[in-house]
Amino acid sequence: MVRRESLINLENFRKQYVRRRWKLSFSIVSLCNHLTRSLMRKVHLRPEEDLRNCESDTEEDIAKRKALHPRRRSSTS
């Protein structure tokens, strides 16, 4: 009877090990996919940036940055 229980535990251990390996490989593949997609987006955006290089573009960029990061007010005033 004891031997049988140990066999069941070994089977459970193997199943858990296989599941853990599968999760690890899945996460690695999803990370690679994410990095590939982000790289492809950067590659597709670059030619547009190179084509448009005007002074007005830099002014728009500065305005966008200011809008994204408003000045913090001092808590002492």
PDB file of N, CA and C in Angstrom:
ATOM      1  N   MET A   1       0.821  -1.201   0.000  1.00  0.00           N
ATOM      2  CA  MET A   1       0.000   0.000   0.000  1.00  0.00           C
ATOM      3  C   MET A   1       0.864   1.264   0.000  1.00  0.00           C
ATOM      4  N   VAL A   2       1.935   1.229   0.756  1.00  0.00           N
ATOM      5  CA  VAL A   2       2.812   2.395   0.832  1.00  0.00           C
ATOM      6  C   VAL A   2       3.486   2.625  -0.515  1.00  0.00           C
ATOM      7  N   ARG A   3       3.879   1.558  -1.140  1.00  0.00           N
ATOM      8  CA  ARG A   3       4.547   1.669  -2.440  1.00  0.00           C
ATOM      9  C   ARG A   3       3.614   2.309  -3.473  1.00  0.00           C
ATOM     10  N   ARG A   4       2.362   1.973  -3.433  1.00  0.00           N
ATOM     11  CA  ARG A   4       1.382   2.514  -4.362  1.00  0.00           C
ATOM     12  C   ARG A   4       1.236   4.023  -4.173  1.00  0.00           C
ATOM     13  N   GLU A   5       1.192   4.476  -2.938  1.00  0.00           N
ATOM     14  CA  GLU A   5       1.075   5.910  -2.666  1.00  0.00           C
ATOM     15  C   GLU A   5       2.292   6.660  -3.196  1.00  0.00           C
ATOM     16  N   SER A   6       3.458   6.062  -3.058  1.00  0.00           N
ATOM     17  CA  SER A   6       4.658   6.725  -3.559  1.00  0.00           C
ATOM     18  C   SER A   6       4.621   6.830  -5.087  1.00  0.00           C
ATOM     19  N   LEU A   7       4.046   5.853  -5.751  1.00  0.00           N
ATOM     20  CA  LEU A   7       3.912   5.925  -7.203  1.00  0.00           C
ATOM     21  C   LEU A   7       2.993   7.067  -7.604  1.00  0.00           C
ATOM     22  N   ILE A   8       1.913   7.235  -6.885  1.00  0.00           N
ATOM     23  CA  ILE A   8       0.991   8.333  -7.163  1.00  0.00           C
ATOM     24  C   ILE A   8       1.702   9.668  -6.960  1.00  0.00           C
ATOM     25  N   ASN A   9       2.480   9.768  -5.908  1.00  0.00           N
ATOM     26  CA  ASN A   9       3.209  11.007  -5.661  1.00  0.00           C
ATOM     27  C   ASN A   9       4.206  11.293  -6.779  1.00  0.00           C
ATOM     28  N   LEU A  10       4.857  10.249  -7.269  1.00  0.00           N
ATOM     29  CA  LEU A  10       5.783  10.445  -8.387  1.00  0.00           C
ATOM     30  C   LEU A  10       5.045  10.921  -9.634  1.00  0.00           C
ATOM     31  N   GLU A  11       3.885  10.377  -9.882  1.00  0.00           N
ATOM     32  CA  GLU A  11       3.097  10.816 -11.036  1.00  0.00           C
ATOM     33  C   GLU A  11       2.692  12.273 -10.881  1.00  0.00           C
ATOM     34  N   ASN A  12       2.255  12.629  -9.684  1.00  0.00           N
ATOM     35  CA  ASN A  12       1.893  14.027  -9.439  1.00  0.00           C
ATOM     36  C   ASN A  12       3.099  14.937  -9.615  1.00  0.00           C
ATOM     37  N   PHE A  13       4.231  14.487  -9.127  1.00  0.00           N
ATOM     38  CA  PHE A  13       5.450  15.280  -9.263  1.00  0.00           C
ATOM     39  C   PHE A  13       5.797  15.488 -10.733  1.00  0.00           C
ATOM     40  N   ARG A  14       5.688  14.430 -11.508  1.00  0.00           N
ATOM     41  CA  ARG A  14       5.991  14.538 -12.944  1.00  0.00           C
ATOM     42  C   ARG A  14       5.027  15.496 -13.632  1.00  0.00           C
ATOM     43  N   LYS A  15       3.745  15.397 -13.278  1.00  0.00           N
ATOM     44  CA  LYS A  15       2.756  16.295 -13.876  1.00  0.00           C
ATOM     45  C   LYS A  15       3.055  17.749 -13.520  1.00  0.00           C
ATOM     46  N   GLN A  16       3.393  17.982 -12.262  1.00  0.00           N
ATOM     47  CA  GLN A  16       3.719  19.348 -11.849  1.00  0.00           C
ATOM     48  C   GLN A  16       4.968  19.847 -12.558  1.00  0.00           C
ATOM     49  N   TYR A  17       5.948  18.980 -12.705  1.00  0.00           N
ATOM     50  CA  TYR A  17       7.190  19.358 -13.384  1.00  0.00           C
ATOM     51  C   TYR A  17       6.919  19.718 -14.846  1.00  0.00           C
ATOM     52  N   VAL A  18       6.114  18.881 -15.500  1.00  0.00           N
ATOM     53  CA  VAL A  18       5.773  19.142 -16.901  1.00  0.00           C
ATOM     54  C   VAL A  18       5.001  20.447 -17.013  1.00  0.00           C
ATOM     55  N   ARG A  19       4.071  20.676 -16.113  1.00  0.00           N
ATOM     56  CA  ARG A  19       3.281  21.905 -16.134  1.00  0.00           C
ATOM     57  C   ARG A  19       4.167  23.128 -15.916  1.00  0.00           C
ATOM     58  N   ARG A  20       5.102  23.014 -14.985  1.00  0.00           N
ATOM     59  CA  ARG A  20       6.017  24.126 -14.707  1.00  0.00           C
ATOM     60  C   ARG A  20       6.894  24.423 -15.916  1.00  0.00           C
ATOM     61  N   ARG A  21       7.404  23.373 -16.552  1.00  0.00           N
ATOM     62  CA  ARG A  21       8.228  23.563 -17.757  1.00  0.00           C
ATOM     63  C   ARG A  21       7.417  24.198 -18.885  1.00  0.00           C
ATOM     64  N   TRP A  22       6.171  23.768 -19.031  1.00  0.00           N
ATOM     65  CA  TRP A  22       5.316  24.319 -20.071  1.00  0.00           C
ATOM     66  C   TRP A  22       5.062  25.799 -19.818  1.00  0.00           C
ATOM     67  N   LYS A  23       4.768  26.149 -18.570  1.00  0.00           N
ATOM     68  CA  LYS A  23       4.534  27.554 -18.235  1.00  0.00           C
ATOM     69  C   LYS A  23       5.773  28.394 -18.507  1.00  0.00           C
ATOM     70  N   LEU A  24       6.925  27.865 -18.159  1.00  0.00           N
ATOM     71  CA  LEU A  24       8.172  28.589 -18.392  1.00  0.00           C
ATOM     72  C   LEU A  24       8.402  28.799 -19.887  1.00  0.00           C
ATOM     73  N   SER A  25       8.236  27.759 -20.671  1.00  0.00           N
ATOM     74  CA  SER A  25       8.441  27.896 -22.117  1.00  0.00           C
ATOM     75  C   SER A  25       7.398  28.831 -22.722  1.00  0.00           C
ATOM     76  N   PHE A  26       6.175  28.765 -22.228  1.00  0.00           N
ATOM     77  CA  PHE A  26       5.126  29.658 -22.725  1.00  0.00           C
ATOM     78  C   PHE A  26       5.468  31.108 -22.424  1.00  0.00           C
ATOM     79  N   SER A  27       5.948  31.377 -21.215  1.00  0.00           N
ATOM     80  CA  SER A  27       6.292  32.755 -20.865  1.00  0.00           C
ATOM     81  C   SER A  27       7.471  33.259 -21.691  1.00  0.00           C
ATOM     82  N   ILE A  28       8.428  32.382 -21.979  1.00  0.00           N
ATOM     83  CA  ILE A  28       9.570  32.785 -22.815  1.00  0.00           C
ATOM     84  C   ILE A  28       9.096  33.111 -24.228  1.00  0.00           C
ATOM     85  N   VAL A  29       8.226  32.285 -24.774  1.00  0.00           N
ATOM     86  CA  VAL A  29       7.715  32.531 -26.124  1.00  0.00           C
ATOM     87  C   VAL A  29       6.905  33.820 -26.158  1.00  0.00           C
ATOM     88  N   SER A  30       6.074  34.051 -25.153  1.00  0.00           N
ATOM     89  CA  SER A  30       5.277  35.277 -25.147  1.00  0.00           C
ATOM     90  C   SER A  30       6.166  36.510 -24.995  1.00  0.00           C
ATOM     91  N   LEU A  31       7.225  36.401 -24.206  1.00  0.00           N
ATOM     92  CA  LEU A  31       8.166  37.514 -24.084  1.00  0.00           C
ATOM     93  C   LEU A  31       8.839  37.792 -25.422  1.00  0.00           C
ATOM     94  N   CYS A  32       9.268  36.747 -26.110  1.00  0.00           N
ATOM     95  CA  CYS A  32       9.892  36.926 -27.433  1.00  0.00           C
ATOM     96  C   CYS A  32       8.916  37.566 -28.414  1.00  0.00           C
ATOM     97  N   ASN A  33       7.669  37.127 -28.382  1.00  0.00           N
ATOM     98  CA  ASN A  33       6.661  37.722 -29.266  1.00  0.00           C
ATOM     99  C   ASN A  33       6.469  39.198 -28.955  1.00  0.00           C
ATOM    100  N   HIS A  34       6.407  39.523 -27.677  1.00  0.00           N
ATOM    101  CA  HIS A  34       6.224  40.918 -27.268  1.00  0.00           C
ATOM    102  C   HIS A  34       7.396  41.775 -27.740  1.00  0.00           C
ATOM    103  N   LEU A  35       8.616  41.288 -27.535  1.00  0.00           N
ATOM    104  CA  LEU A  35       9.792  42.044 -27.960  1.00  0.00           C
ATOM    105  C   LEU A  35       9.830  42.200 -29.479  1.00  0.00           C
ATOM    106  N   THR A  36       9.458  41.151 -30.195  1.00  0.00           N
ATOM    107  CA  THR A  36       9.444  41.222 -31.653  1.00  0.00           C
ATOM    108  C   THR A  36       8.436  42.254 -32.131  1.00  0.00           C
ATOM    109  N   ARG A  37       7.241  42.241 -31.528  1.00  0.00           N
ATOM    110  CA  ARG A  37       6.221  43.215 -31.923  1.00  0.00           C
ATOM    111  C   ARG A  37       6.678  44.638 -31.650  1.00  0.00           C
ATOM    112  N   SER A  38       7.260  44.863 -30.479  1.00  0.00           N
ATOM    113  CA  SER A  38       7.703  46.218 -30.154  1.00  0.00           C
ATOM    114  C   SER A  38       8.839  46.656 -31.073  1.00  0.00           C
ATOM    115  N   LEU A  39       9.727  45.731 -31.430  1.00  0.00           N
ATOM    116  CA  LEU A  39      10.800  46.056 -32.372  1.00  0.00           C
ATOM    117  C   LEU A  39      10.234  46.387 -33.747  1.00  0.00           C
ATOM    118  N   MET A  40       9.257  45.617 -34.185  1.00  0.00           N
ATOM    119  CA  MET A  40       8.653  45.871 -35.491  1.00  0.00           C
ATOM    120  C   MET A  40       7.960  47.228 -35.513  1.00  0.00           C
ATOM    121  N   ARG A  41       7.314  47.606 -34.418  1.00  0.00           N
ATOM    122  CA  ARG A  41       6.674  48.923 -34.348  1.00  0.00           C
ATOM    123  C   ARG A  41       7.712  50.022 -34.469  1.00  0.00           C
ATOM    124  N   LYS A  42       8.834  49.855 -33.765  1.00  0.00           N
ATOM    125  CA  LYS A  42       9.892  50.863 -33.838  1.00  0.00           C
ATOM    126  C   LYS A  42      10.438  50.975 -35.253  1.00  0.00           C
ATOM    127  N   VAL A  43      10.630  49.845 -35.922  1.00  0.00           N
ATOM    128  CA  VAL A  43      11.170  49.849 -37.283  1.00  0.00           C
ATOM    129  C   VAL A  43      10.195  50.538 -38.233  1.00  0.00           C
ATOM    130  N   HIS A  44       8.892  50.296 -38.051  1.00  0.00           N
ATOM    131  CA  HIS A  44       7.898  50.911 -38.928  1.00  0.00           C
ATOM    132  C   HIS A  44       7.758  52.402 -38.657  1.00  0.00           C
ATOM    133  N   LEU A  45       7.982  52.847 -37.447  1.00  0.00           N
ATOM    134  CA  LEU A  45       7.838  54.265 -37.121  1.00  0.00           C
ATOM    135  C   LEU A  45       9.042  55.081 -37.560  1.00  0.00           C
ATOM    136  N   ARG A  46      10.191  54.503 -37.629  1.00  0.00           N
ATOM    137  CA  ARG A  46      11.412  55.253 -37.954  1.00  0.00           C
ATOM    138  C   ARG A  46      11.379  55.957 -39.312  1.00  0.00           C
ATOM    139  N   PRO A  47      10.986  55.314 -40.403  1.00  0.00           N
ATOM    140  CA  PRO A  47      11.005  56.020 -41.690  1.00  0.00           C
ATOM    141  C   PRO A  47      10.136  57.272 -41.688  1.00  0.00           C
ATOM    142  N   GLU A  48       8.990  57.234 -41.002  1.00  0.00           N
ATOM    143  CA  GLU A  48       8.129  58.408 -40.941  1.00  0.00           C
ATOM    144  C   GLU A  48       8.833  59.546 -40.218  1.00  0.00           C
ATOM    145  N   GLU A  49       9.552  59.229 -39.159  1.00  0.00           N
ATOM    146  CA  GLU A  49      10.266  60.264 -38.422  1.00  0.00           C
ATOM    147  C   GLU A  49      11.359  60.879 -39.283  1.00  0.00           C
ATOM    148  N   ASP A  50      12.029  60.060 -40.085  1.00  0.00           N
ATOM    149  CA  ASP A  50      13.110  60.564 -40.927  1.00  0.00           C
ATOM    150  C   ASP A  50      12.577  61.442 -42.054  1.00  0.00           C
ATOM    151  N   LEU A  51      11.393  61.111 -42.564  1.00  0.00           N
ATOM    152  CA  LEU A  51      10.836  61.895 -43.659  1.00  0.00           C
ATOM    153  C   LEU A  51      10.416  63.285 -43.195  1.00  0.00           C
ATOM    154  N   ARG A  52       9.819  63.348 -42.024  1.00  0.00           N
ATOM    155  CA  ARG A  52       9.349  64.633 -41.520  1.00  0.00           C
ATOM    156  C   ARG A  52      10.332  65.153 -40.498  1.00  0.00           C
ATOM    157  N   ASN A  53      11.078  66.155 -40.867  1.00  0.00           N
ATOM    158  CA  ASN A  53      12.019  66.759 -39.939  1.00  0.00           C
ATOM    159  C   ASN A  53      11.901  68.273 -40.076  1.00  0.00           C
ATOM    160  N   CYS A  54      10.835  68.810 -39.515  1.00  0.00           N
ATOM    161  CA  CYS A  54      10.570  70.245 -39.619  1.00  0.00           C
ATOM    162  C   CYS A  54      10.698  70.885 -38.244  1.00  0.00           C
ATOM    163  N   GLU A  55      10.832  72.214 -38.234  1.00  0.00           N
ATOM    164  CA  GLU A  55      10.892  72.923 -36.950  1.00  0.00           C
ATOM    165  C   GLU A  55       9.575  72.807 -36.210  1.00  0.00           C
ATOM    166  N   SER A  56       8.464  72.823 -36.947  1.00  0.00           N
ATOM    167  CA  SER A  56       7.157  72.746 -36.300  1.00  0.00           C
ATOM    168  C   SER A  56       6.990  71.417 -35.563  1.00  0.00           C
ATOM    169  N   ASP A  57       7.605  70.356 -36.080  1.00  0.00           N
ATOM    170  CA  ASP A  57       7.524  69.058 -35.412  1.00  0.00           C
ATOM    171  C   ASP A  57       8.177  69.108 -34.042  1.00  0.00           C
ATOM    172  N   THR A  58       9.336  69.744 -33.961  1.00  0.00           N
ATOM    173  CA  THR A  58      10.016  69.814 -32.663  1.00  0.00           C
ATOM    174  C   THR A  58       9.218  70.663 -31.693  1.00  0.00           C
ATOM    175  N   GLU A  59       8.565  71.706 -32.199  1.00  0.00           N
ATOM    176  CA  GLU A  59       7.722  72.526 -31.326  1.00  0.00           C
ATOM    177  C   GLU A  59       6.549  71.709 -30.803  1.00  0.00           C
ATOM    178  N   GLU A  60       5.955  70.890 -31.673  1.00  0.00           N
ATOM    179  CA  GLU A  60       4.844  70.037 -31.247  1.00  0.00           C
ATOM    180  C   GLU A  60       5.310  69.029 -30.203  1.00  0.00           C
ATOM    181  N   ASP A  61       6.504  68.467 -30.405  1.00  0.00           N
ATOM    182  CA  ASP A  61       7.040  67.504 -29.444  1.00  0.00           C
ATOM    183  C   ASP A  61       7.235  68.146 -28.085  1.00  0.00           C
ATOM    184  N   ILE A  62       7.762  69.353 -28.063  1.00  0.00           N
ATOM    185  CA  ILE A  62       7.979  70.058 -26.792  1.00  0.00           C
ATOM    186  C   ILE A  62       6.641  70.322 -26.116  1.00  0.00           C
ATOM    187  N   ALA A  63       5.644  70.743 -26.894  1.00  0.00           N
ATOM    188  CA  ALA A  63       4.318  71.001 -26.329  1.00  0.00           C
ATOM    189  C   ALA A  63       3.716  69.718 -25.759  1.00  0.00           C
ATOM    190  N   LYS A  64       3.905  68.603 -26.455  1.00  0.00           N
ATOM    191  CA  LYS A  64       3.379  67.326 -25.959  1.00  0.00           C
ATOM    192  C   LYS A  64       4.065  66.926 -24.659  1.00  0.00           C
ATOM    193  N   ARG A  65       5.384  67.100 -24.602  1.00  0.00           N
ATOM    194  CA  ARG A  65       6.112  66.745 -23.380  1.00  0.00           C
ATOM    195  C   ARG A  65       5.645  67.579 -22.199  1.00  0.00           C
ATOM    196  N   LYS A  66       5.421  68.875 -22.456  1.00  0.00           N
ATOM    197  CA  LYS A  66       4.953  69.745 -21.373  1.00  0.00           C
ATOM    198  C   LYS A  66       3.571  69.321 -20.904  1.00  0.00           C
ATOM    199  N   ALA A  67       2.729  68.912 -21.835  1.00  0.00           N
ATOM    200  CA  ALA A  67       1.385  68.478 -21.473  1.00  0.00           C
ATOM    201  C   ALA A  67       1.436  67.170 -20.684  1.00  0.00           C
ATOM    202  N   LEU A  68       2.359  66.294 -21.038  1.00  0.00           N
ATOM    203  CA  LEU A  68       2.459  65.016 -20.333  1.00  0.00           C
ATOM    204  C   LEU A  68       3.043  65.181 -18.933  1.00  0.00           C
ATOM    205  N   HIS A  69       3.960  66.116 -18.767  1.00  0.00           N
ATOM    206  CA  HIS A  69       4.630  66.315 -17.488  1.00  0.00           C
ATOM    207  C   HIS A  69       4.406  67.741 -16.986  1.00  0.00           C
ATOM    208  N   PRO A  70       3.222  68.007 -16.439  1.00  0.00           N
ATOM    209  CA  PRO A  70       2.996  69.364 -15.936  1.00  0.00           C
ATOM    210  C   PRO A  70       3.870  69.623 -14.710  1.00  0.00           C
ATOM    211  N   ARG A  71       4.134  70.881 -14.472  1.00  0.00           N
ATOM    212  CA  ARG A  71       4.971  71.228 -13.328  1.00  0.00           C
ATOM    213  C   ARG A  71       4.260  70.893 -12.031  1.00  0.00           C
ATOM    214  N   ARG A  72       5.014  70.389 -11.106  1.00  0.00           N
ATOM    215  CA  ARG A  72       4.450  70.084  -9.794  1.00  0.00           C
ATOM    216  C   ARG A  72       4.496  71.339  -8.943  1.00  0.00           C
ATOM    217  N   ARG A  73       3.428  71.563  -8.233  1.00  0.00           N
ATOM    218  CA  ARG A  73       3.376  72.735  -7.376  1.00  0.00           C
ATOM    219  C   ARG A  73       4.034  72.427  -6.049  1.00  0.00           C
ATOM    220  N   SER A  74       4.671  73.410  -5.528  1.00  0.00           N
ATOM    221  CA  SER A  74       5.353  73.234  -4.256  1.00  0.00           C
ATOM    222  C   SER A  74       4.333  73.141  -3.133  1.00  0.00           C
ATOM    223  N   SER A  75       4.571  72.255  -2.215  1.00  0.00           N
ATOM    224  CA  SER A  75       3.636  72.097  -1.100  1.00  0.00           C
ATOM    225  C   SER A  75       3.903  73.115   0.001  1.00  0.00           C
ATOM    226  N   THR A  76       5.013  73.855  -0.106  1.00  0.00           N
ATOM    227  CA  THR A  76       5.353  74.819   0.948  1.00  0.00           C
ATOM    228  C   THR A  76       4.760  76.188   0.692  1.00  0.00           C
ATOM    229  N   SER A  77       4.291  76.474  -0.518  1.00  0.00           N
ATOM    230  CA  SER A  77       3.788  77.820  -0.807  1.00  0.00           C
ATOM    231  C   SER A  77       2.358  78.008  -0.387  1.00  0.00           C
TER     232      SER A  77
END
